[in-house]
PDB file of all heavy atoms in Angstrom:
ATOM      1  N   ARG A   1     113.547  89.319  92.184  1.00  0.00           N
ATOM      2  CA  ARG A   1     112.515  89.923  93.007  1.00  0.00           C
ATOM      3  C   ARG A   1     111.800  91.011  92.207  1.00  0.00           C
ATOM      4  O   ARG A   1     112.442  91.844  91.562  1.00  0.00           O
ATOM      5  CB  ARG A   1     113.123  90.499  94.283  1.00  0.00           C
ATOM      6  CG  ARG A   1     112.089  90.992  95.278  1.00  0.00           C
ATOM      7  CD  ARG A   1     112.736  91.382  96.600  1.00  0.00           C
ATOM      8  NE  ARG A   1     113.391  90.241  97.227  1.00  0.00           N
ATOM      9  CZ  ARG A   1     113.957  90.269  98.431  1.00  0.00           C
ATOM     10  NH1 ARG A   1     113.947  91.392  99.129  1.00  0.00           N
ATOM     11  NH2 ARG A   1     114.532  89.193  98.922  1.00  0.00           N
ATOM     12  N   ALA A   2     110.476  91.017  92.247  1.00  0.00           N
ATOM     13  CA  ALA A   2     109.682  91.906  91.419  1.00  0.00           C
ATOM     14  C   ALA A   2     108.677  92.692  92.255  1.00  0.00           C
ATOM     15  O   ALA A   2     108.143  92.188  93.245  1.00  0.00           O
ATOM     16  CB  ALA A   2     108.946  91.122  90.335  1.00  0.00           C
ATOM     17  N   PHE A   3     108.408  93.905  91.817  1.00  0.00           N
ATOM     18  CA  PHE A   3     107.419  94.758  92.450  1.00  0.00           C
ATOM     19  C   PHE A   3     106.020  94.202  92.248  1.00  0.00           C
ATOM     20  O   PHE A   3     105.685  93.731  91.161  1.00  0.00           O
ATOM     21  CB  PHE A   3     107.509  96.167  91.860  1.00  0.00           C
ATOM     22  CG  PHE A   3     106.399  97.085  92.275  1.00  0.00           C
ATOM     23  CD1 PHE A   3     106.400  97.681  93.521  1.00  0.00           C
ATOM     24  CD2 PHE A   3     105.354  97.357  91.409  1.00  0.00           C
ATOM     25  CE1 PHE A   3     105.382  98.528  93.907  1.00  0.00           C
ATOM     26  CE2 PHE A   3     104.333  98.198  91.777  1.00  0.00           C
ATOM     27  CZ  PHE A   3     104.345  98.790  93.040  1.00  0.00           C
ATOM     28  N   VAL A   4     105.200  94.278  93.292  1.00  0.00           N
ATOM     29  CA  VAL A   4     103.817  93.824  93.225  1.00  0.00           C
ATOM     30  C   VAL A   4     102.849  94.982  93.414  1.00  0.00           C
ATOM     31  O   VAL A   4     101.982  95.228  92.578  1.00  0.00           O
ATOM     32  CB  VAL A   4     103.537  92.732  94.268  1.00  0.00           C
ATOM     33  CG1 VAL A   4     102.057  92.352  94.260  1.00  0.00           C
ATOM     34  CG2 VAL A   4     104.408  91.506  94.008  1.00  0.00           C
ATOM     35  N   ALA A   5     102.980  95.700  94.529  1.00  0.00           N
ATOM     36  CA  ALA A   5     102.051  96.773  94.846  1.00  0.00           C
ATOM     37  C   ALA A   5     102.659  97.674  95.901  1.00  0.00           C
ATOM     38  O   ALA A   5     103.535  97.262  96.658  1.00  0.00           O
ATOM     39  CB  ALA A   5     100.710  96.213  95.342  1.00  0.00           C
ATOM     40  N   SER A   6     102.172  98.914  95.979  1.00  0.00           N
ATOM     41  CA  SER A   6     102.652  99.848  96.983  1.00  0.00           C
ATOM     42  C   SER A   6     101.523 100.744  97.457  1.00  0.00           C
ATOM     43  O   SER A   6     100.507 100.905  96.772  1.00  0.00           O
ATOM     44  CB  SER A   6     103.808 100.701  96.462  1.00  0.00           C
ATOM     45  OG  SER A   6     103.374 101.574  95.438  1.00  0.00           O
ATOM     46  N   VAL A   7     101.711 101.330  98.628  1.00  0.00           N
ATOM     47  CA  VAL A   7     100.757 102.287  99.173  1.00  0.00           C
ATOM     48  C   VAL A   7     101.527 103.389  99.894  1.00  0.00           C
ATOM     49  O   VAL A   7     102.468 103.108 100.646  1.00  0.00           O
ATOM     50  CB  VAL A   7      99.735 101.602 100.101  1.00  0.00           C
ATOM     51  CG1 VAL A   7     100.421 100.881 101.259  1.00  0.00           C
ATOM     52  CG2 VAL A   7      98.716 102.605 100.622  1.00  0.00           C
ATOM     53  N   ARG A   8     101.134 104.630  99.651  1.00  0.00           N
ATOM     54  CA  ARG A   8     101.710 105.759 100.369  1.00  0.00           C
ATOM     55  C   ARG A   8     100.970 105.927 101.690  1.00  0.00           C
ATOM     56  O   ARG A   8      99.737 106.009 101.715  1.00  0.00           O
ATOM     57  CB  ARG A   8     101.615 107.036  99.537  1.00  0.00           C
ATOM     58  CG  ARG A   8     102.421 106.972  98.249  1.00  0.00           C
ATOM     59  CD  ARG A   8     102.383 108.295  97.494  1.00  0.00           C
ATOM     60  NE  ARG A   8     103.113 108.205  96.249  1.00  0.00           N
ATOM     61  CZ  ARG A   8     104.411 108.413  96.133  1.00  0.00           C
ATOM     62  NH1 ARG A   8     105.143 108.732  97.195  1.00  0.00           N
ATOM     63  NH2 ARG A   8     104.999 108.304  94.948  1.00  0.00           N
ATOM     64  N   TRP A   9     101.743 105.961 102.775  1.00  0.00           N
ATOM     65  CA  TRP A   9     101.128 105.953 104.094  1.00  0.00           C
ATOM     66  C   TRP A   9     100.246 107.170 104.338  1.00  0.00           C
ATOM     67  O   TRP A   9      99.153 107.046 104.892  1.00  0.00           O
ATOM     68  CB  TRP A   9     102.210 105.857 105.173  1.00  0.00           C
ATOM     69  CG  TRP A   9     101.645 105.475 106.496  1.00  0.00           C
ATOM     70  CD1 TRP A   9     101.409 106.299 107.552  1.00  0.00           C
ATOM     71  CD2 TRP A   9     101.238 104.170 106.890  1.00  0.00           C
ATOM     72  NE1 TRP A   9     100.875 105.590 108.591  1.00  0.00           N
ATOM     73  CE2 TRP A   9     100.755 104.268 108.214  1.00  0.00           C
ATOM     74  CE3 TRP A   9     101.235 102.930 106.263  1.00  0.00           C
ATOM     75  CZ2 TRP A   9     100.276 103.171 108.908  1.00  0.00           C
ATOM     76  CZ3 TRP A   9     100.754 101.832 106.955  1.00  0.00           C
ATOM     77  CH2 TRP A   9     100.286 101.964 108.265  1.00  0.00           C
ATOM     78  N   ARG A  10     100.716 108.343 103.932  1.00  0.00           N
ATOM     79  CA  ARG A  10      99.970 109.564 104.210  1.00  0.00           C
ATOM     80  C   ARG A  10      98.667 109.654 103.427  1.00  0.00           C
ATOM     81  O   ARG A  10      97.639 110.062 103.976  1.00  0.00           O
ATOM     82  CB  ARG A  10     100.827 110.789 103.898  1.00  0.00           C
ATOM     83  CG  ARG A  10     101.913 111.086 104.911  1.00  0.00           C
ATOM     84  CD  ARG A  10     102.651 112.349 104.518  1.00  0.00           C
ATOM     85  NE  ARG A  10     103.660 112.731 105.496  1.00  0.00           N
ATOM     86  CZ  ARG A  10     104.495 113.730 105.346  1.00  0.00           C
ATOM     87  NH1 ARG A  10     104.462 114.467 104.242  1.00  0.00           N
ATOM     88  NH2 ARG A  10     105.380 114.006 106.292  1.00  0.00           N
ATOM     89  N   THR A  11      98.716 109.310 102.172  1.00  0.00           N
ATOM     90  CA  THR A  11      97.580 109.540 101.282  1.00  0.00           C
ATOM     91  C   THR A  11      96.772 108.290 100.971  1.00  0.00           C
ATOM     92  O   THR A  11      95.613 108.395 100.569  1.00  0.00           O
ATOM     93  CB  THR A  11      98.046 110.146  99.958  1.00  0.00           C
ATOM     94  OG1 THR A  11      98.857 109.195  99.258  1.00  0.00           O
ATOM     95  CG2 THR A  11      98.851 111.413 100.205  1.00  0.00           C
ATOM     96  N   GLY A  12      97.365 107.126 101.106  1.00  0.00           N
ATOM     97  CA  GLY A  12      96.709 105.896 100.714  1.00  0.00           C
ATOM     98  C   GLY A  12      96.772 105.612  99.229  1.00  0.00           C
ATOM     99  O   GLY A  12      96.156 104.638  98.767  1.00  0.00           O
ATOM    100  N   THR A  13      97.489 106.420  98.472  1.00  0.00           N
ATOM    101  CA  THR A  13      97.625 106.208  97.037  1.00  0.00           C
ATOM    102  C   THR A  13      98.320 104.882  96.762  1.00  0.00           C
ATOM    103  O   THR A  13      99.340 104.572  97.382  1.00  0.00           O
ATOM    104  CB  THR A  13      98.417 107.348  96.394  1.00  0.00           C
ATOM    105  OG1 THR A  13      97.755 108.585  96.658  1.00  0.00           O
ATOM    106  CG2 THR A  13      98.531 107.152  94.893  1.00  0.00           C
ATOM    107  N   THR A  14      97.774 104.117  95.834  1.00  0.00           N
ATOM    108  CA  THR A  14      98.287 102.785  95.552  1.00  0.00           C
ATOM    109  C   THR A  14      98.797 102.675  94.125  1.00  0.00           C
ATOM    110  O   THR A  14      98.375 103.409  93.232  1.00  0.00           O
ATOM    111  CB  THR A  14      97.212 101.723  95.779  1.00  0.00           C
ATOM    112  OG1 THR A  14      96.077 102.002  94.943  1.00  0.00           O
ATOM    113  CG2 THR A  14      96.762 101.709  97.229  1.00  0.00           C
ATOM    114  N   ASP A  15      99.703 101.744  93.924  1.00  0.00           N
ATOM    115  CA  ASP A  15     100.201 101.384  92.609  1.00  0.00           C
ATOM    116  C   ASP A  15     100.309  99.872  92.530  1.00  0.00           C
ATOM    117  O   ASP A  15     100.547  99.205  93.539  1.00  0.00           O
ATOM    118  CB  ASP A  15     101.569 102.014  92.333  1.00  0.00           C
ATOM    119  CG  ASP A  15     101.489 103.503  92.101  1.00  0.00           C
ATOM    120  OD1 ASP A  15     100.889 103.902  91.095  1.00  0.00           O
ATOM    121  OD2 ASP A  15     102.030 104.260  92.929  1.00  0.00           O
ATOM    122  N   TYR A  16     100.149  99.339  91.312  1.00  0.00           N
ATOM    123  CA  TYR A  16     100.173  97.900  91.114  1.00  0.00           C
ATOM    124  C   TYR A  16     100.971  97.536  89.883  1.00  0.00           C
ATOM    125  O   TYR A  16     100.987  98.268  88.890  1.00  0.00           O
ATOM    126  CB  TYR A  16      98.755  97.347  90.937  1.00  0.00           C
ATOM    127  CG  TYR A  16      97.866  97.534  92.131  1.00  0.00           C
ATOM    128  CD1 TYR A  16      97.044  98.650  92.239  1.00  0.00           C
ATOM    129  CD2 TYR A  16      97.836  96.593  93.151  1.00  0.00           C
ATOM    130  CE1 TYR A  16      96.227  98.824  93.340  1.00  0.00           C
ATOM    131  CE2 TYR A  16      97.021  96.758  94.252  1.00  0.00           C
ATOM    132  CZ  TYR A  16      96.216  97.877  94.336  1.00  0.00           C
ATOM    133  OH  TYR A  16      95.403  98.043  95.432  1.00  0.00           O
ATOM    134  N   ALA A  17     101.608  96.382  89.954  1.00  0.00           N
ATOM    135  CA  ALA A  17     102.180  95.801  88.754  1.00  0.00           C
ATOM    136  C   ALA A  17     101.057  95.362  87.824  1.00  0.00           C
ATOM    137  O   ALA A  17      99.983  94.953  88.279  1.00  0.00           O
ATOM    138  CB  ALA A  17     103.065  94.609  89.114  1.00  0.00           C
ATOM    139  N   ASP A  18     101.304  95.434  86.522  1.00  0.00           N
ATOM    140  CA  ASP A  18     100.278  95.053  85.560  1.00  0.00           C
ATOM    141  C   ASP A  18      99.801  93.617  85.761  1.00  0.00           C
ATOM    142  O   ASP A  18      98.628  93.310  85.527  1.00  0.00           O
ATOM    143  CB  ASP A  18     100.801  95.218  84.135  1.00  0.00           C
ATOM    144  CG  ASP A  18     100.936  96.669  83.725  1.00  0.00           C
ATOM    145  OD1 ASP A  18     100.326  97.538  84.376  1.00  0.00           O
ATOM    146  OD2 ASP A  18     101.647  96.933  82.740  1.00  0.00           O
ATOM    147  N   SER A  19     100.679  92.761  86.202  1.00  0.00           N
ATOM    148  CA  SER A  19     100.357  91.354  86.344  1.00  0.00           C
ATOM    149  C   SER A  19      99.332  91.069  87.437  1.00  0.00           C
ATOM    150  O   SER A  19      98.726  89.991  87.450  1.00  0.00           O
ATOM    151  CB  SER A  19     101.627  90.548  86.616  1.00  0.00           C
ATOM    152  OG  SER A  19     102.272  91.002  87.791  1.00  0.00           O
ATOM    153  N   VAL A  20      99.127  92.020  88.353  1.00  0.00           N
ATOM    154  CA  VAL A  20      98.204  91.781  89.465  1.00  0.00           C
ATOM    155  C   VAL A  20      97.027  92.739  89.480  1.00  0.00           C
ATOM    156  O   VAL A  20      96.134  92.583  90.328  1.00  0.00           O
ATOM    157  CB  VAL A  20      98.933  91.839  90.821  1.00  0.00           C
ATOM    158  CG1 VAL A  20     100.120  90.884  90.836  1.00  0.00           C
ATOM    159  CG2 VAL A  20      99.379  93.258  91.144  1.00  0.00           C
ATOM    160  N   LYS A  21      96.985  93.698  88.579  1.00  0.00           N
ATOM    161  CA  LYS A  21      95.875  94.647  88.548  1.00  0.00           C
ATOM    162  C   LYS A  21      94.550  93.928  88.354  1.00  0.00           C
ATOM    163  O   LYS A  21      94.419  93.052  87.510  1.00  0.00           O
ATOM    164  CB  LYS A  21      96.080  95.668  87.430  1.00  0.00           C
ATOM    165  CG  LYS A  21      97.125  96.712  87.729  1.00  0.00           C
ATOM    166  CD  LYS A  21      97.251  97.718  86.595  1.00  0.00           C
ATOM    167  CE  LYS A  21      98.273  98.786  86.925  1.00  0.00           C
ATOM    168  NZ  LYS A  21      98.441  99.744  85.799  1.00  0.00           N
ATOM    169  N   GLY A  22      93.585  94.321  89.159  1.00  0.00           N
ATOM    170  CA  GLY A  22      92.271  93.699  89.097  1.00  0.00           C
ATOM    171  C   GLY A  22      92.136  92.468  89.951  1.00  0.00           C
ATOM    172  O   GLY A  22      91.012  91.988  90.165  1.00  0.00           O
ATOM    173  N   ARG A  23      93.244  91.935  90.425  1.00  0.00           N
ATOM    174  CA  ARG A  23      93.216  90.736  91.262  1.00  0.00           C
ATOM    175  C   ARG A  23      93.687  90.997  92.687  1.00  0.00           C
ATOM    176  O   ARG A  23      93.182  90.383  93.623  1.00  0.00           O
ATOM    177  CB  ARG A  23      94.075  89.634  90.646  1.00  0.00           C
ATOM    178  CG  ARG A  23      93.627  89.184  89.268  1.00  0.00           C
ATOM    179  CD  ARG A  23      94.389  87.944  88.827  1.00  0.00           C
ATOM    180  NE  ARG A  23      95.827  88.188  88.735  1.00  0.00           N
ATOM    181  CZ  ARG A  23      96.748  87.504  89.387  1.00  0.00           C
ATOM    182  NH1 ARG A  23      96.397  86.511  90.203  1.00  0.00           N
ATOM    183  NH2 ARG A  23      98.037  87.779  89.230  1.00  0.00           N
ATOM    184  N   PHE A  24      94.685  91.862  92.840  1.00  0.00           N
ATOM    185  CA  PHE A  24      95.276  92.154  94.143  1.00  0.00           C
ATOM    186  C   PHE A  24      94.878  93.545  94.593  1.00  0.00           C
ATOM    187  O   PHE A  24      94.729  94.465  93.779  1.00  0.00           O
ATOM    188  CB  PHE A  24      96.801  92.083  94.088  1.00  0.00           C
ATOM    189  CG  PHE A  24      97.379  90.710  93.895  1.00  0.00           C
ATOM    190  CD1 PHE A  24      96.590  89.624  93.560  1.00  0.00           C
ATOM    191  CD2 PHE A  24      98.744  90.517  94.061  1.00  0.00           C
ATOM    192  CE1 PHE A  24      97.137  88.365  93.375  1.00  0.00           C
ATOM    193  CE2 PHE A  24      99.303  89.265  93.885  1.00  0.00           C
ATOM    194  CZ  PHE A  24      98.507  88.190  93.543  1.00  0.00           C
ATOM    195  N   THR A  25      94.735  93.716  95.896  1.00  0.00           N
ATOM    196  CA  THR A  25      94.451  95.016  96.483  1.00  0.00           C
ATOM    197  C   THR A  25      95.355  95.240  97.682  1.00  0.00           C
ATOM    198  O   THR A  25      95.390  94.412  98.595  1.00  0.00           O
ATOM    199  CB  THR A  25      92.989  95.121  96.929  1.00  0.00           C
ATOM    200  OG1 THR A  25      92.116  94.871  95.822  1.00  0.00           O
ATOM    201  CG2 THR A  25      92.703  96.516  97.478  1.00  0.00           C
ATOM    202  N   VAL A  26      96.085  96.362  97.676  1.00  0.00           N
ATOM    203  CA  VAL A  26      96.922  96.719  98.812  1.00  0.00           C
ATOM    204  C   VAL A  26      96.202  97.789  99.626  1.00  0.00           C
ATOM    205  O   VAL A  26      95.550  98.680  99.068  1.00  0.00           O
ATOM    206  CB  VAL A  26      98.315  97.206  98.352  1.00  0.00           C
ATOM    207  CG1 VAL A  26      98.218  98.472  97.507  1.00  0.00           C
ATOM    208  CG2 VAL A  26      99.235  97.417  99.547  1.00  0.00           C
ATOM    209  N   SER A  27      96.297  97.690 100.928  1.00  0.00           N
ATOM    210  CA  SER A  27      95.644  98.647 101.803  1.00  0.00           C
ATOM    211  C   SER A  27      96.475  98.837 103.066  1.00  0.00           C
ATOM    212  O   SER A  27      97.412  98.079 103.330  1.00  0.00           O
ATOM    213  CB  SER A  27      94.223  98.191 102.158  1.00  0.00           C
ATOM    214  OG  SER A  27      94.243  96.951 102.839  1.00  0.00           O
ATOM    215  N   ARG A  28      96.124  99.848 103.835  1.00  0.00           N
ATOM    216  CA  ARG A  28      96.831 100.113 105.076  1.00  0.00           C
ATOM    217  C   ARG A  28      95.849 100.342 106.203  1.00  0.00           C
ATOM    218  O   ARG A  28      94.716 100.794 105.983  1.00  0.00           O
ATOM    219  CB  ARG A  28      97.755 101.336 104.937  1.00  0.00           C
ATOM    220  CG  ARG A  28      97.026 102.684 105.033  1.00  0.00           C
ATOM    221  CD  ARG A  28      97.758 103.776 104.316  1.00  0.00           C
ATOM    222  NE  ARG A  28      97.324 105.121 104.672  1.00  0.00           N
ATOM    223  CZ  ARG A  28      96.202 105.690 104.250  1.00  0.00           C
ATOM    224  NH1 ARG A  28      95.364 105.020 103.468  1.00  0.00           N
ATOM    225  NH2 ARG A  28      95.917 106.936 104.595  1.00  0.00           N
ATOM    226  N   ASP A  29      96.266 100.038 107.414  1.00  0.00           N
ATOM    227  CA  ASP A  29      95.527 100.337 108.625  1.00  0.00           C
ATOM    228  C   ASP A  29      96.419 101.242 109.460  1.00  0.00           C
ATOM    229  O   ASP A  29      97.386 100.778 110.070  1.00  0.00           O
ATOM    230  CB  ASP A  29      95.162  99.059 109.380  1.00  0.00           C
ATOM    231  CG  ASP A  29      94.252  99.319 110.564  1.00  0.00           C
ATOM    232  OD1 ASP A  29      94.335 100.399 111.172  1.00  0.00           O
ATOM    233  OD2 ASP A  29      93.448  98.418 110.890  1.00  0.00           O
ATOM    234  N   VAL A  30      96.113 102.532 109.494  1.00  0.00           N
ATOM    235  CA  VAL A  30      96.975 103.499 110.159  1.00  0.00           C
ATOM    236  C   VAL A  30      96.969 103.327 111.668  1.00  0.00           C
ATOM    237  O   VAL A  30      97.897 103.756 112.348  1.00  0.00           O
ATOM    238  CB  VAL A  30      96.580 104.944 109.790  1.00  0.00           C
ATOM    239  CG1 VAL A  30      96.769 105.180 108.299  1.00  0.00           C
ATOM    240  CG2 VAL A  30      95.152 105.245 110.201  1.00  0.00           C
ATOM    241  N   ASN A  31      95.939 102.696 112.208  1.00  0.00           N
ATOM    242  CA  ASN A  31      95.870 102.478 113.648  1.00  0.00           C
ATOM    243  C   ASN A  31      96.679 101.273 114.098  1.00  0.00           C
ATOM    244  O   ASN A  31      97.065 101.181 115.265  1.00  0.00           O
ATOM    245  CB  ASN A  31      94.419 102.316 114.104  1.00  0.00           C
ATOM    246  CG  ASN A  31      93.582 103.546 113.848  1.00  0.00           C
ATOM    247  OD1 ASN A  31      92.551 103.485 113.174  1.00  0.00           O
ATOM    248  ND2 ASN A  31      94.023 104.678 114.372  1.00  0.00           N
ATOM    249  N   LYS A  32      96.929 100.361 113.179  1.00  0.00           N
ATOM    250  CA  LYS A  32      97.680  99.145 113.501  1.00  0.00           C
ATOM    251  C   LYS A  32      99.084  99.136 112.915  1.00  0.00           C
ATOM    252  O   LYS A  32      99.822  98.170 113.134  1.00  0.00           O
ATOM    253  CB  LYS A  32      96.924  97.915 113.009  1.00  0.00           C
ATOM    254  CG  LYS A  32      95.590  97.699 113.691  1.00  0.00           C
ATOM    255  CD  LYS A  32      94.919  96.427 113.175  1.00  0.00           C
ATOM    256  CE  LYS A  32      93.612  96.173 113.887  1.00  0.00           C
ATOM    257  NZ  LYS A  32      92.948  94.938 113.393  1.00  0.00           N
ATOM    258  N   ASN A  33      99.446 100.187 112.172  1.00  0.00           N
ATOM    259  CA  ASN A  33     100.740 100.243 111.493  1.00  0.00           C
ATOM    260  C   ASN A  33     100.969  98.980 110.668  1.00  0.00           C
ATOM    261  O   ASN A  33     102.034  98.358 110.722  1.00  0.00           O
ATOM    262  CB  ASN A  33     101.880 100.445 112.490  1.00  0.00           C
ATOM    263  CG  ASN A  33     101.847 101.805 113.156  1.00  0.00           C
ATOM    264  OD1 ASN A  33     101.162 102.721 112.698  1.00  0.00           O
ATOM    265  ND2 ASN A  33     102.596 101.953 114.234  1.00  0.00           N
ATOM    266  N   THR A  34      99.965  98.636 109.905  1.00  0.00           N
ATOM    267  CA  THR A  34      99.959  97.389 109.155  1.00  0.00           C
ATOM    268  C   THR A  34      99.467  97.633 107.735  1.00  0.00           C
ATOM    269  O   THR A  34      98.555  98.434 107.524  1.00  0.00           O
ATOM    270  CB  THR A  34      99.061  96.349 109.847  1.00  0.00           C
ATOM    271  OG1 THR A  34      99.571  96.068 111.155  1.00  0.00           O
ATOM    272  CG2 THR A  34      99.001  95.051 109.062  1.00  0.00           C
ATOM    273  N   ILE A  35     100.081  96.958 106.774  1.00  0.00           N
ATOM    274  CA  ILE A  35      99.566  96.938 105.419  1.00  0.00           C
ATOM    275  C   ILE A  35      99.146  95.520 105.076  1.00  0.00           C
ATOM    276  O   ILE A  35      99.622  94.547 105.665  1.00  0.00           O
ATOM    277  CB  ILE A  35     100.566  97.470 104.373  1.00  0.00           C
ATOM    278  CG1 ILE A  35     101.803  96.568 104.263  1.00  0.00           C
ATOM    279  CG2 ILE A  35     100.961  98.902 104.696  1.00  0.00           C
ATOM    280  CD1 ILE A  35     102.652  96.877 103.042  1.00  0.00           C
ATOM    281  N   TYR A  36      98.260  95.426 104.086  1.00  0.00           N
ATOM    282  CA  TYR A  36      97.709  94.150 103.674  1.00  0.00           C
ATOM    283  C   TYR A  36      97.820  93.997 102.168  1.00  0.00           C
ATOM    284  O   TYR A  36      97.894  94.974 101.431  1.00  0.00           O
ATOM    285  CB  TYR A  36      96.240  94.036 104.076  1.00  0.00           C
ATOM    286  CG  TYR A  36      95.991  94.249 105.545  1.00  0.00           C
ATOM    287  CD1 TYR A  36      95.659  95.511 106.034  1.00  0.00           C
ATOM    288  CD2 TYR A  36      96.096  93.201 106.444  1.00  0.00           C
ATOM    289  CE1 TYR A  36      95.435  95.715 107.382  1.00  0.00           C
ATOM    290  CE2 TYR A  36      95.875  93.397 107.792  1.00  0.00           C
ATOM    291  CZ  TYR A  36      95.538  94.651 108.260  1.00  0.00           C
ATOM    292  OH  TYR A  36      95.319  94.851 109.595  1.00  0.00           O
ATOM    293  N   LEU A  37      97.807  92.766 101.736  1.00  0.00           N
ATOM    294  CA  LEU A  37      97.712  92.462 100.320  1.00  0.00           C
ATOM    295  C   LEU A  37      96.649  91.394 100.151  1.00  0.00           C
ATOM    296  O   LEU A  37      96.878  90.228 100.482  1.00  0.00           O
ATOM    297  CB  LEU A  37      99.049  91.989  99.754  1.00  0.00           C
ATOM    298  CG  LEU A  37      99.085  91.773  98.238  1.00  0.00           C
ATOM    299  CD1 LEU A  37      98.948  93.104  97.502  1.00  0.00           C
ATOM    300  CD2 LEU A  37     100.363  91.059  97.822  1.00  0.00           C
ATOM    301  N   GLN A  38      95.488  91.807  99.667  1.00  0.00           N
ATOM    302  CA  GLN A  38      94.415  90.873  99.366  1.00  0.00           C
ATOM    303  C   GLN A  38      94.635  90.316  97.974  1.00  0.00           C
ATOM    304  O   GLN A  38      94.681  91.073  96.998  1.00  0.00           O
ATOM    305  CB  GLN A  38      93.055  91.568  99.442  1.00  0.00           C
ATOM    306  CG  GLN A  38      91.877  90.676  99.094  1.00  0.00           C
ATOM    307  CD  GLN A  38      91.673  89.561 100.081  1.00  0.00           C
ATOM    308  OE1 GLN A  38      91.701  89.787 101.289  1.00  0.00           O
ATOM    309  NE2 GLN A  38      91.488  88.344  99.593  1.00  0.00           N
ATOM    310  N   MET A  39      94.790  89.016  97.862  1.00  0.00           N
ATOM    311  CA  MET A  39      95.098  88.362  96.607  1.00  0.00           C
ATOM    312  C   MET A  39      93.947  87.449  96.218  1.00  0.00           C
ATOM    313  O   MET A  39      93.620  86.513  96.949  1.00  0.00           O
ATOM    314  CB  MET A  39      96.395  87.561  96.721  1.00  0.00           C
ATOM    315  CG  MET A  39      97.581  88.373  97.227  1.00  0.00           C
ATOM    316  SD  MET A  39      99.132  87.436  97.203  1.00  0.00           S
ATOM    317  CE  MET A  39      98.750  86.181  98.427  1.00  0.00           C
TER     318      MET A  39
END
């Protein structure tokens, strides 16, 4: 199992694995308590 992406709930700060940078986007919806991964 490998890390792909992360987001800090309070700040929205994101991190990505090198293998997905530029292709994947992680985001959060604070009103829906939901995170997304656009690939």
